[in-house]
Protein backbone atom coordinates (compact mmCIF):
# COMPACT_ATOMS: atom_id res chain seq x y z
CA MET A 1 0.00 0.00 0.00
CA ALA A 2 1.32 3.43 -0.91
CA THR A 3 2.39 5.79 1.86
CA ALA A 4 1.43 9.47 1.91
CA LYS A 5 4.75 10.42 0.33
CA GLN A 6 4.10 8.03 -2.55
CA ILE A 7 0.92 9.81 -3.57
CA VAL A 8 0.74 12.77 -5.92
CA PHE A 9 -2.40 14.91 -6.22
CA LEU A 10 -3.26 16.50 -9.56
CA LYS A 11 -6.02 18.99 -10.26
CA LYS A 12 -7.39 20.93 -13.20
CA GLN A 13 -9.49 24.05 -12.76
CA PHE A 14 -12.16 25.46 -15.07
CA GLU A 15 -13.54 28.94 -14.46
CA PHE A 16 -17.17 30.00 -14.89
CA PRO A 17 -18.84 33.43 -14.80
CA ARG A 18 -20.85 34.07 -11.64
CA ALA A 19 -24.11 33.95 -13.59
CA HIS A 20 -23.72 30.21 -14.10
CA PHE A 21 -24.84 29.54 -10.53
CA LEU A 22 -28.15 31.35 -10.16
CA GLN A 23 -29.08 29.45 -6.99
CA TYR A 24 -25.56 28.77 -5.76
CA ARG A 25 -25.17 28.34 -1.98
CA GLY A 26 -21.57 27.33 -1.38
CA ASN A 27 -19.04 24.64 -2.19
CA LEU A 28 -20.52 21.60 -3.94
CA ASN A 29 -18.64 18.33 -4.33
CA VAL A 30 -19.31 15.33 -6.55
CA SER A 31 -17.43 12.05 -6.79
CA VAL A 32 -17.08 10.88 -10.38
CA GLY A 33 -15.99 7.27 -10.33
CA ASP A 34 -13.68 5.91 -7.65
CA ASP A 35 -10.69 8.13 -8.29
CA VAL A 36 -11.85 11.60 -9.38
CA SER A 37 -13.72 14.26 -7.42
CA ILE A 38 -15.21 17.38 -8.96
CA ALA A 39 -15.96 20.45 -6.86
CA PHE A 40 -17.83 23.66 -7.65
CA LEU A 41 -16.49 26.45 -5.46
CA GLN A 42 -15.64 30.11 -5.13
CA ALA A 43 -12.15 31.02 -6.29
CA ARG A 44 -10.28 34.21 -5.38
CA ASP A 45 -8.47 36.12 -8.09
CA GLY A 46 -5.86 38.70 -7.06
CA ARG A 47 -6.92 40.91 -9.97
CA SER A 48 -10.53 41.16 -8.78
CA LEU A 49 -12.29 41.90 -5.50
CA VAL A 50 -15.21 39.66 -6.49
CA PRO A 51 -14.82 35.89 -6.00
CA LYS A 52 -15.21 33.81 -9.15
CA GLN A 53 -16.93 30.49 -9.57
CA ALA A 54 -14.72 27.55 -10.48
CA CYS A 55 -15.03 23.88 -11.29
CA VAL A 56 -12.09 21.78 -10.06
CA ALA A 57 -11.36 18.16 -10.98
CA ILE A 58 -8.87 16.43 -8.67
CA THR A 59 -7.35 12.97 -8.38
CA ALA A 60 -4.71 11.22 -6.24
CA VAL A 61 -2.35 8.81 -7.99
CA SER A 62 0.14 6.25 -6.73
CA ARG A 63 0.97 4.79 -10.14
CA PRO A 64 2.72 4.62 -12.52
CA PRO A 65 6.00 4.28 -10.62
CA ALA A 66 7.90 6.48 -13.08
CA LEU A 67 5.61 9.41 -12.28
CA ILE A 68 5.91 8.93 -8.51
CA GLU A 69 9.68 8.53 -8.60
CA TYR A 70 9.99 11.77 -10.58
CA ALA A 71 7.26 13.89 -8.99
CA VAL A 72 7.86 13.23 -5.28
CA PRO A 73 11.46 14.54 -5.08
CA PHE A 74 10.66 17.25 -7.66
CA LEU A 75 7.71 18.61 -5.65
CA ALA A 76 9.50 18.12 -2.32
CA ASN A 77 12.34 20.33 -3.55
CA ARG A 78 9.89 22.97 -4.71
CA MET A 79 8.10 22.93 -1.35
CA ALA A 80 11.47 23.37 0.36
CA GLY A 81 12.20 26.36 -1.87
CA THR A 82 15.16 24.79 -3.62
CA GLN A 83 13.46 25.26 -7.01
CA ALA A 84 11.64 28.30 -8.38
CA ALA A 85 8.07 27.56 -7.29
CA ALA A 86 6.39 29.91 -9.74
CA ALA A 87 8.31 28.92 -12.86
CA PRO A 88 6.13 27.05 -15.39
CA VAL A 89 7.45 23.68 -16.49
CA ASP A 90 7.67 22.56 -20.12
CA ILE A 91 6.09 19.13 -20.45
CA ASN A 92 8.70 18.27 -23.07
CA GLU A 93 11.38 18.53 -20.35
CA PHE A 94 9.84 15.64 -18.42
CA PRO A 95 11.14 12.10 -18.95
CA SER A 96 9.01 10.49 -21.67
CA LYS A 97 7.23 8.03 -19.35
CA VAL A 98 6.41 10.84 -16.91
CA ALA A 99 5.16 13.12 -19.66
CA TYR A 100 2.94 10.34 -21.00
CA ALA A 101 1.48 9.63 -17.55
CA VAL A 102 0.87 13.32 -16.81
CA ARG A 103 -0.90 13.88 -20.10
CA ALA A 104 -3.05 10.79 -19.56
CA ILE A 105 -4.13 12.05 -16.12
CA GLU A 106 -4.89 15.51 -17.49
CA GLU A 107 -7.02 13.99 -20.25
CA LYS A 108 -8.90 11.92 -17.67
CA LEU A 109 -9.61 14.94 -15.47
CA SER A 110 -10.78 16.98 -18.45
CA ALA A 111 -12.96 14.16 -19.74
CA ARG A 112 -14.62 13.52 -16.36
CA ALA A 113 -15.29 17.23 -15.79
CA LEU A 114 -16.61 17.66 -19.33
CA THR A 115 -18.94 14.66 -19.00
CA LEU A 116 -20.39 15.98 -15.74
CA ALA A 117 -20.74 19.51 -17.12
CA LYS A 118 -22.61 18.19 -20.17
CA SER A 119 -24.91 16.15 -17.94
CA LEU A 120 -25.66 19.29 -15.93
CA ARG A 121 -26.24 21.26 -19.13
CA TRP A 122 -28.88 18.73 -20.19
CA ARG A 123 -30.35 18.43 -16.71
CA CYS A 124 -30.53 22.21 -16.21
CA ASN A 125 -31.70 23.06 -19.75
CA ALA A 126 -28.68 25.33 -20.13
CA HIS A 127 -28.18 27.13 -23.44
CA GLY A 128 -25.69 29.44 -25.07
CA THR A 129 -22.80 27.48 -26.52
CA GLN A 130 -21.74 24.04 -27.68
CA LEU A 131 -18.45 24.44 -25.76
CA VAL A 132 -19.03 23.44 -22.15
CA LEU A 133 -15.45 23.68 -20.87
CA LYS A 134 -12.31 24.91 -22.63
CA THR A 135 -10.36 21.95 -21.33
CA ASP A 136 -7.06 22.60 -23.11
CA LEU A 137 -6.58 26.05 -21.56
CA ALA A 138 -7.37 25.31 -17.91
CA PRO A 139 -4.67 25.53 -15.20
CA PHE A 140 -3.23 22.12 -14.32
CA SER A 141 -1.40 21.64 -10.99
CA TRP A 142 0.10 18.99 -8.77
CA SER A 143 0.87 18.63 -5.06
CA LEU A 144 2.13 16.25 -2.39
CA ASP A 145 -0.35 17.30 0.29
CA ALA A 146 -3.34 18.76 -1.62
CA ARG A 147 -2.63 22.12 0.05
CA THR A 148 0.49 23.51 -1.62
CA TRP A 149 0.10 23.39 -5.39
CA PHE A 150 2.60 23.88 -8.23
CA THR A 151 1.98 24.30 -11.94
CA VAL A 152 2.56 21.11 -13.91
CA TYR A 153 3.15 23.07 -17.07
CA GLY A 154 2.11 26.56 -18.08
CA SER A 155 -1.51 27.08 -19.15
CA PHE A 156 -3.08 30.21 -17.74
CA SER A 157 -5.56 31.45 -20.37
CA ILE A 158 -9.16 30.81 -19.33
CA GLU A 159 -12.05 31.04 -21.79
CA GLN A 160 -15.36 31.69 -20.06
CA THR A 161 -18.51 29.95 -21.26
CA GLU A 162 -21.98 31.43 -21.55
CA TRP A 163 -24.51 28.86 -20.43
CA GLN A 164 -26.09 28.65 -16.98
CA PHE A 165 -26.51 25.98 -14.30
CA GLU A 166 -29.96 27.09 -13.20
CA TYR A 167 -30.66 24.38 -10.61
CA LEU A 168 -27.18 23.14 -9.82
CA ASP A 169 -27.39 23.17 -6.05
CA SER A 170 -30.66 21.21 -5.80
CA ILE A 171 -29.37 18.58 -8.23
CA ILE A 172 -26.03 17.94 -6.56
CA GLU A 173 -27.34 18.46 -3.02
CA PRO A 174 -30.97 17.26 -3.10
CA GLU A 175 -33.24 18.12 -0.17
CA GLU A 176 -34.17 14.45 0.24
CA GLY A 177 -31.91 11.47 -0.24
CA GLU A 178 -28.35 11.26 -1.47
CA TYR A 179 -26.86 12.55 -4.70
CA GLU A 180 -27.32 10.10 -7.56
CA PRO A 181 -24.89 10.25 -10.49
CA LEU A 182 -26.44 12.01 -13.46
CA PRO A 183 -26.89 10.10 -16.72
CA ALA A 184 -24.66 11.25 -19.55
CA GLU A 185 -26.01 14.05 -21.72
CA PRO A 186 -27.76 12.45 -24.73
CA LEU A 187 -25.99 12.95 -28.05
CA ALA A 188 -29.18 14.43 -29.50
CA PHE A 189 -29.21 17.25 -26.94
CA GLU A 190 -25.52 17.92 -27.51
CA LEU A 191 -26.15 18.22 -31.25
CA LEU A 192 -29.06 20.57 -30.62
CA MET A 193 -26.81 22.82 -28.51
CA GLU A 194 -24.40 23.00 -31.45
CA ALA A 195 -27.26 23.91 -33.78
CA GLN A 196 -28.51 26.65 -31.47
CA HIS A 197 -25.01 28.07 -31.23
CA LEU A 198 -24.76 28.21 -35.02
CA GLN A 199 -28.24 29.47 -35.90
CA PHE A 200 -27.33 33.15 -36.27
CA ASP A 201 -23.95 32.97 -38.01
CA ASN A 202 -24.34 29.64 -39.84
CA PRO A 203 -28.08 28.95 -40.23
CA ARG A 204 -27.63 26.25 -42.90
CA SER A 205 -25.33 24.23 -40.65
CA ALA A 206 -27.72 24.80 -37.76
CA LEU A 207 -30.61 23.31 -39.74
CA VAL A 208 -28.66 20.20 -40.79
CA ILE A 209 -27.38 19.54 -37.26
CA ALA A 210 -30.78 20.19 -35.66
CA VAL A 211 -32.49 17.64 -37.91
CA ALA A 212 -29.69 15.18 -37.12
CA ALA A 213 -30.41 15.81 -33.42
CA ALA A 214 -34.09 14.99 -34.00
CA GLU A 215 -33.17 11.81 -35.87
CA VAL A 216 -30.71 10.63 -33.21
CA GLY A 217 -33.15 11.44 -30.41
CA THR A 218 -36.09 9.72 -32.14
CA LYS A 219 -34.21 6.48 -32.68
CA ARG A 220 -32.79 6.51 -29.16
CA CYS A 221 -36.25 6.90 -27.65
CA LEU A 222 -37.88 4.27 -29.87
CA LYS A 223 -35.14 1.78 -28.95
CA PHE A 224 -35.93 2.49 -25.31
CA ILE A 225 -39.65 1.96 -25.89
CA ASP A 226 -39.21 -1.23 -27.93
CA PRO A 227 -35.72 -2.77 -28.08
CA THR A 228 -36.88 -5.13 -30.84
CA LEU A 229 -36.87 -2.14 -33.21
CA THR A 230 -33.10 -1.68 -32.86
CA GLU A 231 -32.05 -3.51 -36.02
CA MET A 232 -34.63 -1.68 -38.14
CA LEU A 233 -33.77 1.71 -36.66
CA GLU A 234 -30.05 1.26 -37.26
CA SER A 235 -30.54 0.19 -40.87
CA PRO A 236 -29.65 2.70 -43.62
CA LYS A 237 -33.11 1.95 -45.05
CA SER A 238 -34.90 3.05 -41.89
CA LEU A 239 -38.07 5.11 -42.34
CA PRO A 240 -37.98 8.92 -42.09
CA ILE A 241 -38.35 10.11 -38.51
CA VAL A 242 -41.88 11.49 -38.92
CA ASN A 243 -43.04 8.10 -40.23
CA LEU A 244 -41.22 6.39 -37.36
CA LEU A 245 -42.96 8.57 -34.80
CA GLU A 246 -46.37 8.05 -36.39
CA SER A 247 -45.85 4.28 -36.54
CA TYR A 248 -44.07 3.43 -33.29
CA TYR A 249 -44.34 6.25 -30.75
CA PRO A 250 -47.21 5.73 -28.25
CA LYS A 251 -50.09 8.03 -29.13
CA ASP A 252 -51.69 7.79 -25.67
CA SER A 253 -48.51 8.77 -23.84
CA ARG A 254 -48.52 11.64 -21.38
CA ALA A 255 -45.53 12.87 -23.40
CA ARG A 256 -47.28 12.48 -26.75
CA ILE A 257 -45.92 14.30 -29.78
CA VAL A 258 -48.34 17.18 -30.41
CA PRO A 259 -49.41 18.18 -33.96
CA SER A 260 -47.48 21.46 -33.99
CA ILE A 261 -44.19 19.61 -33.42
CA ILE A 262 -44.94 17.19 -36.25
CA VAL A 263 -45.68 20.13 -38.56
CA GLN A 264 -42.40 21.87 -37.73
CA LEU A 265 -40.48 18.58 -37.93
CA ARG A 266 -41.84 17.83 -41.40
CA LYS A 267 -40.80 21.27 -42.57
CA ALA A 268 -37.34 20.96 -41.04
CA VAL A 269 -36.71 17.58 -42.69
CA PHE A 270 -37.97 18.87 -46.06
CA GLU A 271 -35.77 21.97 -45.82
CA ARG A 272 -32.75 19.91 -44.75
CA ASP A 273 -33.22 17.54 -47.71
CA ARG A 274 -33.69 20.47 -50.08
CA LEU A 275 -30.48 22.02 -48.79
CA VAL A 276 -28.25 18.94 -49.00
CA HIS A 277 -29.66 17.60 -52.30
CA ALA A 278 -30.41 20.79 -54.23
CA GLY A 279 -28.28 23.41 -52.48
CA ALA A 280 -31.36 25.55 -51.77
CA PHE A 281 -31.89 27.40 -48.49
CA THR A 282 -34.47 30.16 -48.02
CA LEU A 283 -35.32 29.95 -44.30
CA GLU A 284 -35.65 33.21 -42.41
CA ARG A 285 -34.24 33.53 -38.91
CA LYS A 286 -37.65 33.34 -37.22
CA GLN A 287 -38.57 30.23 -39.19
CA LEU A 288 -35.34 28.50 -38.22
CA GLY A 289 -35.94 29.47 -34.61
CA ARG A 290 -39.37 27.79 -34.69
CA ARG A 291 -37.85 24.61 -36.12
CA LEU A 292 -35.18 24.51 -33.39
CA ARG A 293 -37.72 25.21 -30.65
CA ALA A 294 -39.93 22.36 -31.89
CA ILE A 295 -37.00 19.95 -31.99
CA GLU A 296 -36.01 20.95 -28.46
CA ASP A 297 -39.55 20.24 -27.26
CA LEU A 298 -39.42 16.92 -29.11
CA LEU A 299 -36.25 15.93 -27.25
CA ARG A 300 -37.72 17.01 -23.91
CA LEU A 301 -40.81 14.89 -24.57
CA PHE A 302 -38.49 11.98 -25.24
CA ASP A 303 -36.78 12.67 -21.88
CA VAL A 304 -40.15 12.50 -20.11
CA GLN A 305 -41.12 9.34 -22.01
CA MET A 306 -37.83 7.74 -20.89
CA GLY A 307 -38.54 8.44 -17.21
CA HIS A 308 -36.95 11.86 -16.66
CA GLU A 309 -39.97 13.61 -15.16
CA TRP A 310 -37.96 16.77 -14.40
CA ALA A 311 -37.72 17.49 -18.16
CA GLU A 312 -41.40 18.42 -18.28
CA LYS A 313 -40.69 21.87 -16.83
CA PHE A 314 -38.43 22.66 -19.80
CA ILE A 315 -41.18 22.17 -22.41
CA SER A 316 -42.22 25.44 -24.08
CA GLY A 317 -45.47 27.19 -23.16
CA ASP A 318 -47.18 26.54 -26.51
CA THR A 319 -46.46 22.82 -26.37
CA ARG A 320 -47.55 22.66 -22.73
CA LEU A 321 -50.85 24.22 -23.80
CA GLU A 322 -51.36 21.58 -26.49
CA LEU A 323 -50.57 18.84 -23.99
CA GLY A 324 -53.03 20.28 -21.48
CA LEU A 325 -50.28 20.88 -18.90
CA PRO A 326 -50.59 23.74 -16.40
CA LYS A 327 -48.65 26.94 -16.94
CA LEU A 328 -45.39 27.26 -15.06
CA ASP A 329 -44.83 30.05 -12.58
CA PRO A 330 -42.10 32.54 -13.58
CA PRO A 331 -38.69 31.65 -12.09
């Protein structure tokens, strides 16, 4: 068993604007797997009097041996002041095995943080950008005691994101029961976020990606409803999504697909096909916005159908009216 001196802590920090935590109460911590913890906390910046919000992914490693044998004396010397503590380190100066191990750990921390952030984006109905975290520009540090930290190699530019965690505290720290790991963000929702990000500057790309999101989401939901449809749904000769919904989606479901969504979906598919096969695109911004809104409601109905009752509150007012659902109170 490794002793304390044979353990090296590594952390990567991602910064968020304050607006991302609209109901933020304090430090929030989540364990992601057995070896990585992710914390949401307030971080002080010497250039500002106002604390910033940060997401930190941290892990403790005792392997591989090459990393431990290099890092322990290296960090011990820095803690003792025998090396310049503030000087950034070039990863290319590390022994090759150490550099490989460090990069692998950094990739794992970034991947775990990104996965959780995407799950929260889906769970909180957050909008604004397809980039959740700028993982390759976040500060990366290591330590022997998890208190005194040194830069692994220089990376100080932080790119802030624009979307919001509207209900973060109640999800990670529920009023009743323990925190349950969030499911991964569905690919369909991730594609839709990309389409929404592109709709003003690249509307043609937004349309193509949004219809792809509807197709991916439809097939995912129908597989959930009836796994025997999997082979047919994955076939290149599968029916168009509107036909699939009319044939296989339950019409008596509480999360039924309302007529207005079908209308907008038909138009979106027709316009996508016209674009990719004939090079024609005449959609106005408002029309594209209606198509994207309908596809978002479609994906949220799929969430409800698949057991995620919380998704109902993210359905638009017009669709709620068609479904006979009560109006939501303003936030």
